[in-house]
Amino acid sequence: MSLPTTLRRWFRFSLAELLVATILLGAGVGIYVLASTASFQHDLKLESVRVARLISRDELLVLYTDANRQDQLLKVHLRSGSTTPFVVGITSKFQADNRVYALEVSRDHRIIAISLIATAPLLVVCDATTGKITRVFDDAIPAIVAVSIHGGYIATKDETLPDGTKLGPVYDVTEGKLIPEWRKCAGVRLFLANDSRVLCITPSAAKVIEFPSAKPLFSIGRGACPACVVALADDESCVAIQDEDGTVGLFNPESGSFLGPRIDHGHGEVLADVAIEPSGNLVAASSFSRKITLWNRYTGKQEALIDTGAINQYVAFPERGRLLTLSADGKLTVRRVGANNSEIALYIVAACALAVLILLRLFRRLPAKKARAAVSDS
């Protein structure tokens, strides 16, 4: 049989084959579009970024100080780079020239806690979408360190008494009061297990404590600097804690067991931020040496070292395969560091479509082969 005849037979498609081929082509185009539009950069031209937190997969809330030394809150759309002021429902009690000391966002991105310093420190709780104030605490410690998963509890910076004793205030947003039992618990950094546990870090130890009973459960690692950065995986499968020597340890927050090798950032310095990829393998850390380091969370192997050329104030994963960095001068970058869930789904669709197409072609040729064999036998 000549080559042209063979090619004509192979490229004579049935309706089912054309349908599968169309699906395969569509998946390929989708993968290309997602991969080519995954990385982008915006210069927000901000004077001094102080805090940034994701409030959705596509939006970032930024606290910065402008040229007039006024604190401003800005909502940033990641893909377009467009910005809108985030206006908290300010009443006459909160003057516009109040200093915004700190902010944190609940893990479900619905509640924002903001520390204001006016004539007295104020802790303001508001809706992340509308900015509507839902609760105000007067004379609160002006530094938020953790907000619970659904925003029901807020932990602030330790209060030091004249005798040196440290107290860890935790506020009940629903009841509008300070939880008395937690005045004796210092170093609250994370709420865990649907707000039934907390991670506390002090110079002597990192511990997981039952909440709200304040019963100690177990210690994690070998202790850490109270000012160190911590991060929790979205599925709470691991928590990252920086030690005083600059290395990062990954631990199981359910048992306190050590997960894999300790990650050495290589600079021996305090990190600016750390993040764990959701449903992925990567841990990212930003430092004041203008570099972002990516590691494999399971092997401890360094996957990439990114020199951003700027001091990186914030690092996060908006979704799997996408790394967000925000520098102190407002340069926002989203990089592709792997396939996200949409790309992975398209890869699976493309692989299945290709396999079905090959099987259809093979099964289509079987009757013809049998017919030719019968003719040759006769």
Protein backbone atom coordinates (compact mmCIF):
# COMPACT_ATOMS: atom_id res chain seq x y z
CA MET A 1 0.00 0.00 0.00
CA SER A 2 1.40 3.40 -0.96
CA LEU A 3 2.09 6.14 1.55
CA PRO A 4 -0.54 8.57 0.14
CA THR A 5 -3.23 5.89 0.46
CA THR A 6 -2.25 5.22 4.09
CA LEU A 7 -2.32 8.92 4.93
CA ARG A 8 -5.75 9.32 3.33
CA ARG A 9 -7.11 6.49 5.45
CA TRP A 10 -5.63 7.89 8.67
CA PHE A 11 -6.96 11.40 8.05
CA ARG A 12 -10.47 10.27 7.17
CA PHE A 13 -12.23 11.12 10.46
CA SER A 14 -15.59 9.97 11.75
CA LEU A 15 -17.96 12.36 13.57
CA ALA A 16 -16.91 10.97 16.98
CA GLU A 17 -13.25 11.43 16.13
CA LEU A 18 -13.83 15.01 14.99
CA LEU A 19 -15.63 15.75 18.27
CA VAL A 20 -12.80 14.32 20.37
CA ALA A 21 -10.21 16.14 18.26
CA THR A 22 -12.09 19.41 18.82
CA ILE A 23 -12.04 18.81 22.59
CA LEU A 24 -8.31 18.09 22.42
CA LEU A 25 -7.67 21.29 20.45
CA GLY A 26 -9.79 23.35 22.84
CA ALA A 27 -7.93 21.99 25.86
CA GLY A 28 -4.62 22.81 24.20
CA VAL A 29 -5.70 26.38 23.47
CA GLY A 30 -6.99 26.76 27.04
CA ILE A 31 -3.67 25.59 28.50
CA TYR A 32 -1.78 28.03 26.29
CA VAL A 33 -4.01 30.97 27.22
CA LEU A 34 -3.84 30.24 30.97
CA ALA A 35 -0.07 29.79 30.90
CA SER A 36 0.58 32.91 28.79
CA THR A 37 -1.60 35.17 30.96
CA ALA A 38 -0.48 33.80 34.33
CA SER A 39 2.33 36.30 34.93
CA PHE A 40 1.89 40.06 35.13
CA GLN A 41 3.26 43.08 36.97
CA HIS A 42 1.81 46.41 38.13
CA ASP A 43 3.54 49.41 39.67
CA LEU A 44 1.08 50.77 42.22
CA LYS A 45 3.39 53.71 42.95
CA LEU A 46 2.89 53.60 46.70
CA GLU A 47 5.18 55.44 49.08
CA SER A 48 5.58 52.87 51.84
CA VAL A 49 3.68 49.57 51.97
CA ARG A 50 3.24 48.39 55.54
CA VAL A 51 0.79 45.47 55.38
CA ALA A 52 -0.92 43.55 52.59
CA ARG A 53 -3.47 40.75 52.82
CA LEU A 54 -5.45 38.79 50.25
CA ILE A 55 -9.19 39.29 50.64
CA SER A 56 -10.06 37.02 47.68
CA ARG A 57 -8.27 35.11 44.95
CA ASP A 58 -8.33 38.26 42.79
CA GLU A 59 -8.12 41.12 45.31
CA LEU A 60 -5.52 42.43 47.72
CA LEU A 61 -5.97 44.85 50.62
CA VAL A 62 -2.96 47.11 51.15
CA LEU A 63 -2.15 49.39 54.08
CA TYR A 64 0.41 52.04 53.11
CA THR A 65 1.64 55.46 54.20
CA ASP A 66 1.35 58.20 51.57
CA ALA A 67 3.59 61.19 50.89
CA ASN A 68 1.70 63.23 53.49
CA ARG A 69 2.39 60.53 56.10
CA GLN A 70 -1.28 59.59 56.18
CA ASP A 71 -2.26 55.91 56.44
CA GLN A 72 -4.39 54.70 53.57
CA LEU A 73 -6.23 51.46 52.80
CA LEU A 74 -6.35 50.38 49.17
CA LYS A 75 -8.12 47.50 47.46
CA VAL A 76 -6.15 46.21 44.46
CA HIS A 77 -7.48 44.00 41.67
CA LEU A 78 -4.60 41.66 40.87
CA ARG A 79 -5.05 41.08 37.15
CA SER A 80 -5.94 44.60 36.05
CA GLY A 81 -3.91 46.48 38.64
CA SER A 82 -6.84 48.84 39.24
CA THR A 83 -7.12 50.31 42.72
CA THR A 84 -9.98 51.66 44.80
CA PRO A 85 -9.80 53.17 48.30
CA PHE A 86 -11.15 50.81 50.94
CA VAL A 87 -13.43 52.98 53.02
CA VAL A 88 -14.24 51.79 56.51
CA GLY A 89 -17.61 52.98 57.79
CA ILE A 90 -16.08 55.87 59.76
CA THR A 91 -18.32 57.78 62.13
CA SER A 92 -17.57 60.97 64.04
CA LYS A 93 -15.85 58.80 66.63
CA PHE A 94 -13.11 57.89 64.17
CA GLN A 95 -11.39 60.89 62.69
CA ALA A 96 -9.79 60.65 59.24
CA ASP A 97 -6.33 61.44 60.63
CA ASN A 98 -6.26 58.37 62.88
CA ARG A 99 -3.18 56.23 62.54
CA VAL A 100 -3.92 52.76 61.20
CA TYR A 101 -1.58 50.61 63.23
CA ALA A 102 -2.24 47.14 61.79
CA LEU A 103 -4.77 44.96 60.02
CA GLU A 104 -5.52 41.28 59.62
CA VAL A 105 -8.07 39.32 57.58
CA SER A 106 -9.99 36.22 58.61
CA ARG A 107 -9.08 33.01 56.83
CA ASP A 108 -12.42 32.94 54.99
CA HIS A 109 -11.67 36.51 53.77
CA ARG A 110 -14.97 37.88 55.09
CA ILE A 111 -13.87 39.89 58.14
CA ILE A 112 -11.16 42.55 58.47
CA ALA A 113 -9.79 43.68 61.84
CA ILE A 114 -8.13 47.10 61.90
CA SER A 115 -6.20 48.74 64.74
CA LEU A 116 -6.59 52.52 64.93
CA ILE A 117 -4.69 54.83 67.24
CA ALA A 118 -6.72 57.89 68.14
CA THR A 119 -6.97 59.42 71.61
CA ALA A 120 -7.04 55.76 72.68
CA PRO A 121 -6.35 52.57 70.71
CA LEU A 122 -9.39 51.20 68.92
CA LEU A 123 -9.93 47.75 67.42
CA VAL A 124 -12.41 48.01 64.54
CA VAL A 125 -14.02 44.93 62.96
CA CYS A 126 -15.59 45.42 59.54
CA ASP A 127 -16.98 43.53 56.56
CA ALA A 128 -14.34 42.81 53.91
CA THR A 129 -16.71 43.59 51.03
CA THR A 130 -18.58 46.67 52.16
CA GLY A 131 -16.34 48.12 54.88
CA LYS A 132 -19.31 48.27 57.23
CA ILE A 133 -18.24 48.28 60.88
CA THR A 134 -19.65 45.38 62.88
CA ARG A 135 -17.83 45.80 66.19
CA VAL A 136 -15.55 48.30 67.97
CA PHE A 137 -13.36 47.61 71.00
CA ASP A 138 -12.15 50.63 72.98
CA ASP A 139 -8.73 50.73 74.66
CA ALA A 140 -7.56 47.64 72.75
CA ILE A 141 -3.91 46.67 72.37
CA PRO A 142 -2.92 48.39 69.09
CA ALA A 143 -1.45 45.41 67.23
CA ILE A 144 -3.45 42.56 65.71
CA VAL A 145 -1.59 39.30 65.24
CA ALA A 146 -4.34 36.82 64.33
CA VAL A 147 -7.98 36.63 63.29
CA SER A 148 -9.87 33.35 63.57
CA ILE A 149 -11.06 31.39 60.54
CA HIS A 150 -14.50 33.00 60.42
CA GLY A 151 -13.61 36.24 62.19
CA GLY A 152 -15.24 35.37 65.52
CA TYR A 153 -12.07 35.91 67.56
CA ILE A 154 -9.18 38.37 67.34
CA ALA A 155 -5.83 38.07 69.08
CA THR A 156 -3.66 41.14 69.66
CA LYS A 157 -0.05 41.68 70.60
CA ASP A 158 1.03 40.67 74.09
CA GLU A 159 0.61 43.21 76.85
CA THR A 160 3.55 43.52 79.24
CA LEU A 161 2.73 44.31 82.87
CA PRO A 162 5.07 46.36 85.13
CA ASP A 163 6.38 43.13 86.71
CA GLY A 164 7.33 41.76 83.27
CA THR A 165 4.44 39.32 82.96
CA LYS A 166 3.08 39.00 79.43
CA LEU A 167 -0.63 38.70 78.76
CA GLY A 168 -2.21 37.71 75.46
CA PRO A 169 -5.54 39.48 74.90
CA VAL A 170 -8.10 37.60 72.77
CA TYR A 171 -11.38 39.31 71.90
CA ASP A 172 -14.72 37.61 71.26
CA VAL A 173 -16.22 39.54 68.34
CA THR A 174 -19.71 38.06 68.72
CA GLU A 175 -19.98 38.83 72.42
CA GLY A 176 -18.04 42.07 72.17
CA LYS A 177 -15.75 41.36 75.10
CA LEU A 178 -12.27 40.26 76.12
CA ILE A 179 -11.99 36.55 76.99
CA PRO A 180 -10.73 36.49 80.62
CA GLU A 181 -9.10 33.05 80.44
CA TRP A 182 -6.77 34.24 77.69
CA ARG A 183 -5.26 37.08 79.64
CA LYS A 184 -2.70 34.53 80.91
CA CYS A 185 -1.84 33.07 77.47
CA ALA A 186 0.89 34.94 75.61
CA GLY A 187 2.10 34.74 72.02
CA VAL A 188 -1.06 33.80 70.09
CA ARG A 189 -0.17 33.61 66.38
CA LEU A 190 -2.68 31.35 64.61
CA PHE A 191 -6.15 29.92 65.10
CA LEU A 192 -6.35 26.23 64.12
CA ALA A 193 -8.82 23.34 63.74
CA ASN A 194 -11.93 25.40 63.11
CA ASP A 195 -10.98 27.77 65.96
CA SER A 196 -10.71 24.97 68.54
CA ARG A 197 -6.94 25.43 68.94
CA VAL A 198 -4.36 28.20 68.74
CA LEU A 199 -0.64 28.31 68.05
CA CYS A 200 1.29 30.34 70.64
CA ILE A 201 4.93 31.31 70.16
CA THR A 202 7.12 32.58 73.01
CA PRO A 203 10.93 32.78 73.35
CA SER A 204 10.91 29.48 75.22
CA ALA A 205 8.52 27.38 73.13
CA ALA A 206 5.99 27.11 70.34
CA LYS A 207 2.86 25.43 71.67
CA VAL A 208 -0.59 24.41 70.52
CA ILE A 209 -3.25 25.24 73.13
CA GLU A 210 -6.89 24.25 73.26
CA PHE A 211 -9.28 27.12 72.69
CA PRO A 212 -11.03 28.62 74.59
CA SER A 213 -10.19 26.43 77.62
CA ALA A 214 -6.47 27.46 77.44
CA LYS A 215 -5.40 23.85 78.07
CA PRO A 216 -1.86 23.14 76.71
CA LEU A 217 -1.84 20.26 74.23
CA PHE A 218 1.71 19.86 72.89
CA SER A 219 4.86 21.73 71.91
CA ILE A 220 6.07 22.23 68.37
CA GLY A 221 9.72 22.19 67.38
CA ARG A 222 12.41 23.79 69.48
CA GLY A 223 10.90 27.23 70.06
CA ALA A 224 11.07 30.28 67.87
CA CYS A 225 11.49 34.02 67.91
CA PRO A 226 8.14 35.60 68.93
CA ALA A 227 8.50 38.08 66.05
CA CYS A 228 9.14 35.34 63.48
CA VAL A 229 6.90 34.78 60.48
CA VAL A 230 4.45 31.88 60.43
CA ALA A 231 2.16 30.47 57.75
CA LEU A 232 -0.57 27.87 57.67
CA ALA A 233 -1.52 25.72 54.67
CA ASP A 234 -5.09 26.21 53.47
CA ASP A 235 -5.98 22.62 54.35
CA GLU A 236 -4.14 22.97 57.71
CA SER A 237 -1.92 20.04 56.78
CA CYS A 238 1.18 21.94 57.89
CA VAL A 239 2.34 25.12 59.56
CA ALA A 240 5.62 26.88 58.74
CA ILE A 241 7.57 28.53 61.57
CA GLN A 242 10.87 30.37 61.26
CA ASP A 243 13.43 29.56 63.93
CA GLU A 244 15.86 32.07 65.43
CA ASP A 245 18.66 30.75 63.20
CA GLY A 246 16.69 31.72 60.08
CA THR A 247 15.66 28.20 59.08
CA VAL A 248 12.01 27.29 58.52
CA GLY A 249 10.44 24.18 59.96
CA LEU A 250 7.22 22.56 58.74
CA PHE A 251 5.04 20.90 61.35
CA ASN A 252 1.79 19.00 61.59
CA PRO A 253 -0.55 21.25 63.61
CA GLU A 254 -2.64 18.24 64.65
CA SER A 255 0.19 16.37 66.37
CA GLY A 256 3.20 18.70 66.46
CA SER A 257 5.30 16.20 64.50
CA PHE A 258 8.08 17.52 62.27
CA LEU A 259 7.38 17.24 58.52
CA GLY A 260 10.40 16.65 56.32
CA PRO A 261 13.76 18.44 56.40
CA ARG A 262 14.24 21.87 57.89
CA ILE A 263 14.37 24.51 55.17
CA ASP A 264 17.47 26.69 55.14
CA HIS A 265 16.84 30.07 53.57
CA GLY A 266 20.57 30.50 53.15
CA HIS A 267 20.86 34.01 54.56
CA GLY A 268 20.45 33.47 58.29
CA GLU A 269 18.22 36.52 58.54
CA VAL A 270 14.72 37.20 59.75
CA LEU A 271 12.27 36.68 56.92
CA ALA A 272 9.77 39.33 55.86
CA ASP A 273 7.04 36.80 55.03
CA VAL A 274 6.42 33.15 54.28
CA ALA A 275 3.59 31.38 52.41
CA ILE A 276 2.54 27.80 51.63
CA GLU A 277 1.12 26.92 48.21
CA PRO A 278 -2.51 25.73 48.47
CA SER A 279 -2.84 22.07 47.38
CA GLY A 280 0.72 22.23 46.08
CA ASN A 281 4.34 21.46 46.90
CA LEU A 282 5.94 24.87 47.32
CA VAL A 283 6.88 27.09 50.25
CA ALA A 284 7.86 30.69 49.46
CA ALA A 285 9.77 33.10 51.67
CA SER A 286 10.62 36.75 51.12
CA SER A 287 13.57 38.41 52.78
CA PHE A 288 15.07 41.85 53.18
CA SER A 289 17.89 40.80 50.83
CA ARG A 290 15.57 41.42 47.84
CA LYS A 291 15.17 37.71 47.08
CA ILE A 292 12.28 35.24 47.03
CA THR A 293 13.16 31.63 47.74
CA LEU A 294 10.97 28.70 46.70
CA TRP A 295 11.35 25.24 48.25
CA ASN A 296 9.69 21.89 47.87
CA ARG A 297 7.80 21.42 51.14
CA TYR A 298 8.28 17.64 51.07
CA THR A 299 11.98 17.35 50.16
CA GLY A 300 13.33 20.69 51.45
CA LYS A 301 15.05 21.17 48.08
CA GLN A 302 15.33 24.72 46.77
CA GLU A 303 13.29 24.99 43.57
CA ALA A 304 14.05 28.59 42.63
CA LEU A 305 15.73 31.77 43.84
CA ILE A 306 14.09 34.90 42.43
CA ASP A 307 15.93 38.23 42.61
CA THR A 308 13.18 40.85 42.52
CA GLY A 309 15.44 43.86 42.89
CA ALA A 310 13.23 45.27 45.65
CA ILE A 311 12.59 44.69 49.33
CA ASN A 312 9.67 42.28 49.37
CA GLN A 313 7.11 43.17 51.98
CA TYR A 314 4.55 40.48 51.20
CA VAL A 315 4.42 37.07 49.54
CA ALA A 316 1.39 34.84 48.97
CA PHE A 317 -0.15 32.23 46.71
CA PRO A 318 -3.54 33.50 45.40
CA GLU A 319 -4.00 29.99 43.98
CA ARG A 320 -1.94 26.94 43.14
CA GLY A 321 0.86 27.72 40.68
CA ARG A 322 0.69 31.51 41.13
CA LEU A 323 3.11 33.46 43.35
CA LEU A 324 2.27 37.02 44.40
CA THR A 325 4.89 39.43 45.70
CA LEU A 326 4.47 43.05 46.77
CA SER A 327 7.50 45.23 47.42
CA ALA A 328 7.72 48.01 49.96
CA ASP A 329 7.48 50.62 47.17
CA GLY A 330 4.32 49.12 45.67
CA LYS A 331 5.55 46.89 42.84
CA LEU A 332 3.01 44.07 42.55
CA THR A 333 4.02 40.94 40.66
CA VAL A 334 2.23 37.66 40.03
CA ARG A 335 4.45 34.90 38.64
CA ARG A 336 3.64 31.49 37.23
CA VAL A 337 5.51 28.93 39.34
CA GLY A 338 3.64 25.86 38.13
CA ALA A 339 0.29 24.71 36.81
CA ASN A 340 -2.80 25.89 38.65
CA ASN A 341 -5.90 23.76 39.16
CA SER A 342 -7.51 24.95 35.92
CA GLU A 343 -4.42 24.07 33.89
CA ILE A 344 -4.14 20.67 35.57
CA ALA A 345 -7.79 19.97 34.73
CA LEU A 346 -7.16 20.92 31.09
CA TYR A 347 -4.07 18.70 30.96
CA ILE A 348 -6.20 15.79 32.19
CA VAL A 349 -8.91 16.56 29.62
CA ALA A 350 -6.29 16.78 26.84
CA ALA A 351 -4.66 13.49 27.86
CA CYS A 352 -8.03 11.70 28.02
CA ALA A 353 -9.11 13.15 24.66
CA LEU A 354 -5.85 12.07 23.04
CA ALA A 355 -6.20 8.56 24.44
CA VAL A 356 -9.82 8.30 23.22
CA LEU A 357 -8.83 9.59 19.79
CA ILE A 358 -6.06 6.98 19.45
CA LEU A 359 -8.40 4.19 20.57
CA LEU A 360 -11.08 5.29 18.11
CA ARG A 361 -8.56 5.21 15.27
CA LEU A 362 -7.29 1.78 16.26
CA PHE A 363 -10.76 0.27 16.63
CA ARG A 364 -11.78 1.76 13.30
CA ARG A 365 -8.91 0.01 11.56
CA LEU A 366 -9.60 -3.42 13.07
CA PRO A 367 -12.54 -4.37 10.74
CA ALA A 368 -10.53 -3.30 7.71
CA LYS A 369 -7.57 -5.41 8.83
CA LYS A 370 -9.82 -8.43 9.38
CA ALA A 371 -11.41 -7.98 5.97
CA ARG A 372 -8.03 -7.81 4.26
CA ALA A 373 -6.86 -10.87 6.17
CA ALA A 374 -9.96 -12.80 5.10
CA VAL A 375 -9.42 -11.82 1.46
CA SER A 376 -5.77 -12.88 1.56
CA ASP A 377 -6.69 -16.22 3.18
CA SER A 378 -9.22 -16.97 0.45
